[in-house]
């Protein structure tokens, strides 16, 4: 099962790579997409595959750093739990 998730994003408002998300056109039945900071605090979550994280938490921009993501989904009739990291770069 291959699902490409970006390894970094730059939410600087230039219209390029401003949101960390599951790439458009990914054929999955998303159950949960969550992002956590290095202390384990959930800073973003959604059940909508088109929605992504803009690098903020409670309306305030997060500092640059590495964040952990987790995806629970059904892909090709198989329930999967995927985990990885992504970097927020200012």
PDB file of N, CA and C in Angstrom:
ATOM      1  N   UNK A   1       0.845  -1.168   0.000  1.00  0.00           N
ATOM      2  CA  UNK A   1       0.000   0.000   0.000  1.00  0.00           C
ATOM      3  C   UNK A   1       0.893   1.235   0.000  1.00  0.00           C
ATOM      4  N   UNK A   2       0.799   2.027  -1.023  1.00  0.00           N
ATOM      5  CA  UNK A   2       1.589   3.247  -1.123  1.00  0.00           C
ATOM      6  C   UNK A   2       0.683   4.463  -1.102  1.00  0.00           C
ATOM      7  N   UNK A   3       0.947   5.369  -0.181  1.00  0.00           N
ATOM      8  CA  UNK A   3       0.254   6.644  -0.114  1.00  0.00           C
ATOM      9  C   UNK A   3       1.320   7.687   0.135  1.00  0.00           C
ATOM     10  N   UNK A   4       1.529   8.558  -0.823  1.00  0.00           N
ATOM     11  CA  UNK A   4       2.567   9.572  -0.690  1.00  0.00           C
ATOM     12  C   UNK A   4       2.076  10.707   0.202  1.00  0.00           C
ATOM     13  N   UNK A   5       2.811  10.970   1.262  1.00  0.00           N
ATOM     14  CA  UNK A   5       2.534  12.094   2.147  1.00  0.00           C
ATOM     15  C   UNK A   5       3.779  12.980   2.117  1.00  0.00           C
ATOM     16  N   UNK A   6       3.618  14.269   1.896  1.00  0.00           N
ATOM     17  CA  UNK A   6       4.786  15.163   1.851  1.00  0.00           C
ATOM     18  C   UNK A   6       5.596  15.101   3.152  1.00  0.00           C
ATOM     19  N   UNK A   7       6.861  15.454   3.068  1.00  0.00           N
ATOM     20  CA  UNK A   7       7.726  15.435   4.248  1.00  0.00           C
ATOM     21  C   UNK A   7       7.929  16.826   4.836  1.00  0.00           C
ATOM     22  N   UNK A   8       7.456  17.857   4.129  1.00  0.00           N
ATOM     23  CA  UNK A   8       7.618  19.230   4.631  1.00  0.00           C
ATOM     24  C   UNK A   8       6.605  20.147   3.955  1.00  0.00           C
ATOM     25  N   UNK A   9       6.352  21.287   4.615  1.00  0.00           N
ATOM     26  CA  UNK A   9       5.525  22.320   3.997  1.00  0.00           C
ATOM     27  C   UNK A   9       5.939  23.672   4.553  1.00  0.00           C
ATOM     28  N   UNK A  10       5.562  24.716   3.815  1.00  0.00           N
ATOM     29  CA  UNK A  10       5.982  26.084   4.143  1.00  0.00           C
ATOM     30  C   UNK A  10       4.771  27.006   4.151  1.00  0.00           C
ATOM     31  N   UNK A  11       4.088  27.123   5.289  1.00  0.00           N
ATOM     32  CA  UNK A  11       2.881  27.957   5.342  1.00  0.00           C
ATOM     33  C   UNK A  11       3.207  29.453   5.421  1.00  0.00           C
ATOM     34  N   UNK A  12       3.772  29.976   4.331  1.00  0.00           N
ATOM     35  CA  UNK A  12       4.219  31.373   4.318  1.00  0.00           C
ATOM     36  C   UNK A  12       3.331  32.270   3.457  1.00  0.00           C
ATOM     37  N   UNK A  13       2.219  31.740   2.962  1.00  0.00           N
ATOM     38  CA  UNK A  13       1.277  32.544   2.208  1.00  0.00           C
ATOM     39  C   UNK A  13       1.642  32.813   0.761  1.00  0.00           C
ATOM     40  N   UNK A  14       2.639  32.097   0.229  1.00  0.00           N
ATOM     41  CA  UNK A  14       3.028  32.338  -1.164  1.00  0.00           C
ATOM     42  C   UNK A  14       2.215  31.517  -2.162  1.00  0.00           C
ATOM     43  N   UNK A  15       1.273  30.705  -1.654  1.00  0.00           N
ATOM     44  CA  UNK A  15       0.430  29.907  -2.536  1.00  0.00           C
ATOM     45  C   UNK A  15       1.070  28.606  -2.978  1.00  0.00           C
ATOM     46  N   UNK A  16       2.265  28.299  -2.493  1.00  0.00           N
ATOM     47  CA  UNK A  16       2.968  27.071  -2.860  1.00  0.00           C
ATOM     48  C   UNK A  16       3.258  26.281  -1.592  1.00  0.00           C
ATOM     49  N   UNK A  17       2.682  25.090  -1.504  1.00  0.00           N
ATOM     50  CA  UNK A  17       2.994  24.194  -0.391  1.00  0.00           C
ATOM     51  C   UNK A  17       2.658  24.814   0.961  1.00  0.00           C
ATOM     52  N   UNK A  18       1.560  25.565   1.041  1.00  0.00           N
ATOM     53  CA  UNK A  18       1.175  26.256   2.272  1.00  0.00           C
ATOM     54  C   UNK A  18       0.405  25.386   3.264  1.00  0.00           C
ATOM     55  N   UNK A  19      -0.076  24.225   2.817  1.00  0.00           N
ATOM     56  CA  UNK A  19      -0.912  23.374   3.659  1.00  0.00           C
ATOM     57  C   UNK A  19      -0.360  21.950   3.640  1.00  0.00           C
ATOM     58  N   UNK A  20      -0.289  21.329   4.826  1.00  0.00           N
ATOM     59  CA  UNK A  20       0.125  19.931   4.936  1.00  0.00           C
ATOM     60  C   UNK A  20      -1.124  19.080   4.820  1.00  0.00           C
ATOM     61  N   UNK A  21      -1.188  18.252   3.784  1.00  0.00           N
ATOM     62  CA  UNK A  21      -2.410  17.498   3.522  1.00  0.00           C
ATOM     63  C   UNK A  21      -2.125  16.198   2.801  1.00  0.00           C
ATOM     64  N   UNK A  22      -3.141  15.367   2.778  1.00  0.00           N
ATOM     65  CA  UNK A  22      -3.111  14.185   1.933  1.00  0.00           C
ATOM     66  C   UNK A  22      -3.270  14.691   0.511  1.00  0.00           C
ATOM     67  N   UNK A  23      -2.414  14.291  -0.408  1.00  0.00           N
ATOM     68  CA  UNK A  23      -2.479  14.829  -1.770  1.00  0.00           C
ATOM     69  C   UNK A  23      -3.850  14.637  -2.435  1.00  0.00           C
ATOM     70  N   UNK A  24      -4.254  15.648  -3.174  1.00  0.00           N
ATOM     71  CA  UNK A  24      -5.511  15.597  -3.921  1.00  0.00           C
ATOM     72  C   UNK A  24      -5.500  14.381  -4.843  1.00  0.00           C
ATOM     73  N   UNK A  25      -6.651  13.763  -4.975  1.00  0.00           N
ATOM     74  CA  UNK A  25      -6.779  12.608  -5.856  1.00  0.00           C
ATOM     75  C   UNK A  25      -6.433  11.290  -5.193  1.00  0.00           C
ATOM     76  N   UNK A  26      -6.028  11.327  -3.914  1.00  0.00           N
ATOM     77  CA  UNK A  26      -5.729  10.081  -3.201  1.00  0.00           C
ATOM     78  C   UNK A  26      -7.019   9.309  -3.006  1.00  0.00           C
ATOM     79  N   UNK A  27      -6.999   8.057  -3.371  1.00  0.00           N
ATOM     80  CA  UNK A  27      -8.196   7.231  -3.306  1.00  0.00           C
ATOM     81  C   UNK A  27      -8.222   6.469  -1.983  1.00  0.00           C
ATOM     82  N   UNK A  28      -8.707   7.152  -0.935  1.00  0.00           N
ATOM     83  CA  UNK A  28      -8.803   6.521   0.371  1.00  0.00           C
ATOM     84  C   UNK A  28     -10.131   6.894   1.012  1.00  0.00           C
ATOM     85  N   UNK A  29     -10.581   6.053   1.917  1.00  0.00           N
ATOM     86  CA  UNK A  29     -11.745   6.346   2.747  1.00  0.00           C
ATOM     87  C   UNK A  29     -11.179   6.765   4.098  1.00  0.00           C
ATOM     88  N   UNK A  30     -11.019   8.070   4.289  1.00  0.00           N
ATOM     89  CA  UNK A  30     -10.365   8.594   5.478  1.00  0.00           C
ATOM     90  C   UNK A  30     -11.265   8.477   6.700  1.00  0.00           C
ATOM     91  N   UNK A  31     -10.717   7.922   7.759  1.00  0.00           N
ATOM     92  CA  UNK A  31     -11.404   7.857   9.045  1.00  0.00           C
ATOM     93  C   UNK A  31     -10.880   8.940   9.974  1.00  0.00           C
ATOM     94  N   UNK A  32      -9.557   9.211   9.936  1.00  0.00           N
ATOM     95  CA  UNK A  32      -8.964  10.238  10.782  1.00  0.00           C
ATOM     96  C   UNK A  32      -7.577  10.609  10.271  1.00  0.00           C
ATOM     97  N   UNK A  33      -7.306  11.908  10.213  1.00  0.00           N
ATOM     98  CA  UNK A  33      -5.985  12.434   9.893  1.00  0.00           C
ATOM     99  C   UNK A  33      -5.646  13.388  11.030  1.00  0.00           C
ATOM    100  N   UNK A  34      -4.615  13.045  11.804  1.00  0.00           N
ATOM    101  CA  UNK A  34      -4.223  13.852  12.958  1.00  0.00           C
ATOM    102  C   UNK A  34      -2.757  14.242  12.863  1.00  0.00           C
ATOM    103  N   UNK A  35      -2.436  15.392  13.436  1.00  0.00           N
ATOM    104  CA  UNK A  35      -1.056  15.870  13.507  1.00  0.00           C
ATOM    105  C   UNK A  35      -0.767  16.246  14.950  1.00  0.00           C
ATOM    106  N   UNK A  36       0.414  15.827  15.432  1.00  0.00           N
ATOM    107  CA  UNK A  36       0.814  16.026  16.815  1.00  0.00           C
ATOM    108  C   UNK A  36       2.144  16.765  16.879  1.00  0.00           C
ATOM    109  N   UNK A  37       2.314  17.577  17.937  1.00  0.00           N
ATOM    110  CA  UNK A  37       3.607  18.215  18.153  1.00  0.00           C
ATOM    111  C   UNK A  37       4.551  17.223  18.844  1.00  0.00           C
ATOM    112  N   UNK A  38       5.771  17.640  19.113  1.00  0.00           N
ATOM    113  CA  UNK A  38       6.766  16.715  19.668  1.00  0.00           C
ATOM    114  C   UNK A  38       6.465  16.269  21.090  1.00  0.00           C
ATOM    115  N   UNK A  39       5.515  16.919  21.755  1.00  0.00           N
ATOM    116  CA  UNK A  39       5.113  16.536  23.104  1.00  0.00           C
ATOM    117  C   UNK A  39       3.858  15.659  23.092  1.00  0.00           C
ATOM    118  N   UNK A  40       3.347  15.363  21.903  1.00  0.00           N
ATOM    119  CA  UNK A  40       2.173  14.511  21.787  1.00  0.00           C
ATOM    120  C   UNK A  40       0.848  15.234  21.811  1.00  0.00           C
ATOM    121  N   UNK A  41       0.866  16.552  21.800  1.00  0.00           N
ATOM    122  CA  UNK A  41      -0.380  17.324  21.751  1.00  0.00           C
ATOM    123  C   UNK A  41      -0.936  17.310  20.333  1.00  0.00           C
ATOM    124  N   UNK A  42      -2.213  16.993  20.203  1.00  0.00           N
ATOM    125  CA  UNK A  42      -2.823  17.005  18.869  1.00  0.00           C
ATOM    126  C   UNK A  42      -3.082  18.457  18.472  1.00  0.00           C
ATOM    127  N   UNK A  43      -2.473  18.888  17.372  1.00  0.00           N
ATOM    128  CA  UNK A  43      -2.614  20.267  16.909  1.00  0.00           C
ATOM    129  C   UNK A  43      -3.558  20.390  15.711  1.00  0.00           C
ATOM    130  N   UNK A  44      -3.941  19.249  15.132  1.00  0.00           N
ATOM    131  CA  UNK A  44      -4.854  19.267  13.987  1.00  0.00           C
ATOM    132  C   UNK A  44      -5.479  17.889  13.852  1.00  0.00           C
ATOM    133  N   UNK A  45      -6.747  17.857  13.440  1.00  0.00           N
ATOM    134  CA  UNK A  45      -7.371  16.597  13.061  1.00  0.00           C
ATOM    135  C   UNK A  45      -8.555  16.874  12.135  1.00  0.00           C
ATOM    136  N   UNK A  46      -8.816  15.898  11.286  1.00  0.00           N
ATOM    137  CA  UNK A  46      -9.933  15.987  10.359  1.00  0.00           C
ATOM    138  C   UNK A  46     -10.345  14.588   9.934  1.00  0.00           C
ATOM    139  N   UNK A  47     -11.548  14.479   9.436  1.00  0.00           N
ATOM    140  CA  UNK A  47     -12.017  13.247   8.805  1.00  0.00           C
ATOM    141  C   UNK A  47     -12.337  13.493   7.334  1.00  0.00           C
ATOM    142  N   UNK A  48     -11.974  14.658   6.852  1.00  0.00           N
ATOM    143  CA  UNK A  48     -12.219  15.053   5.469  1.00  0.00           C
ATOM    144  C   UNK A  48     -10.909  15.026   4.695  1.00  0.00           C
ATOM    145  N   UNK A  49     -10.812  14.185   3.693  1.00  0.00           N
ATOM    146  CA  UNK A  49      -9.550  13.984   2.978  1.00  0.00           C
ATOM    147  C   UNK A  49      -9.064  15.257   2.275  1.00  0.00           C
ATOM    148  N   UNK A  50      -9.975  16.158   1.908  1.00  0.00           N
ATOM    149  CA  UNK A  50      -9.580  17.382   1.210  1.00  0.00           C
ATOM    150  C   UNK A  50      -9.023  18.465   2.143  1.00  0.00           C
ATOM    151  N   UNK A  51      -9.209  18.291   3.442  1.00  0.00           N
ATOM    152  CA  UNK A  51      -8.795  19.306   4.408  1.00  0.00           C
ATOM    153  C   UNK A  51      -7.363  19.048   4.872  1.00  0.00           C
ATOM    154  N   UNK A  52      -6.597  20.124   5.031  1.00  0.00           N
ATOM    155  CA  UNK A  52      -5.220  19.993   5.496  1.00  0.00           C
ATOM    156  C   UNK A  52      -4.909  20.997   6.591  1.00  0.00           C
ATOM    157  N   UNK A  53      -3.701  20.873   7.128  1.00  0.00           N
ATOM    158  CA  UNK A  53      -3.257  21.710   8.242  1.00  0.00           C
ATOM    159  C   UNK A  53      -2.472  22.901   7.724  1.00  0.00           C
ATOM    160  N   UNK A  54      -2.821  24.103   8.202  1.00  0.00           N
ATOM    161  CA  UNK A  54      -2.168  25.332   7.751  1.00  0.00           C
ATOM    162  C   UNK A  54      -1.002  25.758   8.641  1.00  0.00           C
ATOM    163  N   UNK A  55      -0.612  24.916   9.588  1.00  0.00           N
ATOM    164  CA  UNK A  55       0.524  25.219  10.446  1.00  0.00           C
ATOM    165  C   UNK A  55       0.193  26.022  11.684  1.00  0.00           C
ATOM    166  N   UNK A  56      -1.101  26.183  11.976  1.00  0.00           N
ATOM    167  CA  UNK A  56      -1.484  26.948  13.166  1.00  0.00           C
ATOM    168  C   UNK A  56      -2.202  26.049  14.163  1.00  0.00           C
ATOM    169  N   UNK A  57      -2.249  26.518  15.403  1.00  0.00           N
ATOM    170  CA  UNK A  57      -2.951  25.816  16.467  1.00  0.00           C
ATOM    171  C   UNK A  57      -3.670  26.862  17.306  1.00  0.00           C
ATOM    172  N   UNK A  58      -4.971  26.693  17.453  1.00  0.00           N
ATOM    173  CA  UNK A  58      -5.817  27.653  18.164  1.00  0.00           C
ATOM    174  C   UNK A  58      -5.634  29.064  17.604  1.00  0.00           C
ATOM    175  N   UNK A  59      -5.511  29.152  16.268  1.00  0.00           N
ATOM    176  CA  UNK A  59      -5.421  30.439  15.591  1.00  0.00           C
ATOM    177  C   UNK A  59      -4.049  31.092  15.595  1.00  0.00           C
ATOM    178  N   UNK A  60      -3.056  30.436  16.180  1.00  0.00           N
ATOM    179  CA  UNK A  60      -1.707  31.016  16.236  1.00  0.00           C
ATOM    180  C   UNK A  60      -0.729  30.150  15.453  1.00  0.00           C
ATOM    181  N   UNK A  61       0.146  30.768  14.660  1.00  0.00           N
ATOM    182  CA  UNK A  61       1.129  29.992  13.902  1.00  0.00           C
ATOM    183  C   UNK A  61       2.067  29.209  14.831  1.00  0.00           C
ATOM    184  N   UNK A  62       2.337  27.982  14.456  1.00  0.00           N
ATOM    185  CA  UNK A  62       3.276  27.145  15.203  1.00  0.00           C
ATOM    186  C   UNK A  62       4.697  27.485  14.750  1.00  0.00           C
ATOM    187  N   UNK A  63       5.657  27.224  15.610  1.00  0.00           N
ATOM    188  CA  UNK A  63       7.065  27.396  15.260  1.00  0.00           C
ATOM    189  C   UNK A  63       7.503  26.306  14.292  1.00  0.00           C
ATOM    190  N   UNK A  64       8.554  26.574  13.549  1.00  0.00           N
ATOM    191  CA  UNK A  64       9.134  25.550  12.681  1.00  0.00           C
ATOM    192  C   UNK A  64       9.500  24.345  13.522  1.00  0.00           C
ATOM    193  N   UNK A  65       9.401  23.176  12.928  1.00  0.00           N
ATOM    194  CA  UNK A  65       9.762  21.957  13.639  1.00  0.00           C
ATOM    195  C   UNK A  65       9.213  20.733  12.943  1.00  0.00           C
ATOM    196  N   UNK A  66       9.437  19.585  13.564  1.00  0.00           N
ATOM    197  CA  UNK A  66       8.974  18.305  13.043  1.00  0.00           C
ATOM    198  C   UNK A  66       7.712  17.915  13.794  1.00  0.00           C
ATOM    199  N   UNK A  67       6.711  17.493  13.056  1.00  0.00           N
ATOM    200  CA  UNK A  67       5.429  17.086  13.609  1.00  0.00           C
ATOM    201  C   UNK A  67       5.135  15.652  13.175  1.00  0.00           C
ATOM    202  N   UNK A  68       4.399  14.949  13.998  1.00  0.00           N
ATOM    203  CA  UNK A  68       4.044  13.559  13.720  1.00  0.00           C
ATOM    204  C   UNK A  68       2.631  13.526  13.159  1.00  0.00           C
ATOM    205  N   UNK A  69       2.430  12.771  12.099  1.00  0.00           N
ATOM    206  CA  UNK A  69       1.090  12.620  11.545  1.00  0.00           C
ATOM    207  C   UNK A  69       0.649  11.159  11.667  1.00  0.00           C
ATOM    208  N   UNK A  70      -0.670  10.975  11.709  1.00  0.00           N
ATOM    209  CA  UNK A  70      -1.261   9.650  11.778  1.00  0.00           C
ATOM    210  C   UNK A  70      -2.513   9.645  10.904  1.00  0.00           C
ATOM    211  N   UNK A  71      -2.645   8.614  10.117  1.00  0.00           N
ATOM    212  CA  UNK A  71      -3.814   8.455   9.249  1.00  0.00           C
ATOM    213  C   UNK A  71      -4.449   7.097   9.534  1.00  0.00           C
ATOM    214  N   UNK A  72      -5.744   7.117   9.834  1.00  0.00           N
ATOM    215  CA  UNK A  72      -6.546   5.900   9.897  1.00  0.00           C
ATOM    216  C   UNK A  72      -7.466   5.949   8.699  1.00  0.00           C
ATOM    217  N   UNK A  73      -7.434   4.887   7.889  1.00  0.00           N
ATOM    218  CA  UNK A  73      -8.210   4.910   6.653  1.00  0.00           C
ATOM    219  C   UNK A  73      -8.468   3.500   6.149  1.00  0.00           C
ATOM    220  N   UNK A  74      -9.334   3.437   5.164  1.00  0.00           N
ATOM    221  CA  UNK A  74      -9.538   2.204   4.411  1.00  0.00           C
ATOM    222  C   UNK A  74      -8.997   2.486   3.010  1.00  0.00           C
ATOM    223  N   UNK A  75      -8.033   1.672   2.616  1.00  0.00           N
ATOM    224  CA  UNK A  75      -7.414   1.814   1.300  1.00  0.00           C
ATOM    225  C   UNK A  75      -7.485   0.450   0.620  1.00  0.00           C
ATOM    226  N   UNK A  76      -8.114   0.432  -0.538  1.00  0.00           N
ATOM    227  CA  UNK A  76      -8.310  -0.812  -1.285  1.00  0.00           C
ATOM    228  C   UNK A  76      -8.890  -1.915  -0.403  1.00  0.00           C
ATOM    229  N   UNK A  77      -9.965  -1.568   0.312  1.00  0.00           N
ATOM    230  CA  UNK A  77     -10.706  -2.489   1.180  1.00  0.00           C
ATOM    231  C   UNK A  77      -9.893  -3.017   2.362  1.00  0.00           C
ATOM    232  N   UNK A  78      -8.816  -2.337   2.703  1.00  0.00           N
ATOM    233  CA  UNK A  78      -7.983  -2.746   3.829  1.00  0.00           C
ATOM    234  C   UNK A  78      -7.879  -1.602   4.836  1.00  0.00           C
ATOM    235  N   UNK A  79      -8.191  -1.896   6.095  1.00  0.00           N
ATOM    236  CA  UNK A  79      -8.028  -0.885   7.134  1.00  0.00           C
ATOM    237  C   UNK A  79      -6.544  -0.720   7.430  1.00  0.00           C
ATOM    238  N   UNK A  80      -6.087   0.557   7.443  1.00  0.00           N
ATOM    239  CA  UNK A  80      -4.669   0.819   7.669  1.00  0.00           C
ATOM    240  C   UNK A  80      -4.503   1.916   8.709  1.00  0.00           C
ATOM    241  N   UNK A  81      -3.366   1.863   9.379  1.00  0.00           N
ATOM    242  CA  UNK A  81      -2.922   2.910  10.289  1.00  0.00           C
ATOM    243  C   UNK A  81      -1.525   3.295   9.826  1.00  0.00           C
ATOM    244  N   UNK A  82      -1.390   4.519   9.337  1.00  0.00           N
ATOM    245  CA  UNK A  82      -0.112   5.006   8.823  1.00  0.00           C
ATOM    246  C   UNK A  82       0.397   6.112   9.728  1.00  0.00           C
ATOM    247  N   UNK A  83       1.707   6.165   9.930  1.00  0.00           N
ATOM    248  CA  UNK A  83       2.321   7.193  10.757  1.00  0.00           C
ATOM    249  C   UNK A  83       3.591   7.689  10.078  1.00  0.00           C
ATOM    250  N   UNK A  84       3.919   8.947  10.350  1.00  0.00           N
ATOM    251  CA  UNK A  84       5.138   9.504   9.792  1.00  0.00           C
ATOM    252  C   UNK A  84       5.394  10.869  10.366  1.00  0.00           C
ATOM    253  N   UNK A  85       6.368  11.564   9.793  1.00  0.00           N
ATOM    254  CA  UNK A  85       6.692  12.905  10.250  1.00  0.00           C
ATOM    255  C   UNK A  85       6.692  13.882   9.080  1.00  0.00           C
ATOM    256  N   UNK A  86       6.447  15.131   9.403  1.00  0.00           N
ATOM    257  CA  UNK A  86       6.497  16.196   8.423  1.00  0.00           C
ATOM    258  C   UNK A  86       7.078  17.433   9.076  1.00  0.00           C
ATOM    259  N   UNK A  87       7.836  18.207   8.332  1.00  0.00           N
ATOM    260  CA  UNK A  87       8.465  19.402   8.865  1.00  0.00           C
ATOM    261  C   UNK A  87       7.719  20.652   8.454  1.00  0.00           C
ATOM    262  N   UNK A  88       7.473  21.517   9.422  1.00  0.00           N
ATOM    263  CA  UNK A  88       6.921  22.843   9.178  1.00  0.00           C
ATOM    264  C   UNK A  88       8.117  23.776   9.066  1.00  0.00           C
ATOM    265  N   UNK A  89       8.236  24.444   7.943  1.00  0.00           N
ATOM    266  CA  UNK A  89       9.387  25.319   7.690  1.00  0.00           C
ATOM    267  C   UNK A  89       8.894  26.723   7.403  1.00  0.00           C
ATOM    268  N   UNK A  90       9.400  27.681   8.148  1.00  0.00           N
ATOM    269  CA  UNK A  90       9.051  29.093   7.914  1.00  0.00           C
ATOM    270  C   UNK A  90      10.112  29.748   7.076  1.00  0.00           C
TER     271      UNK A  90
END
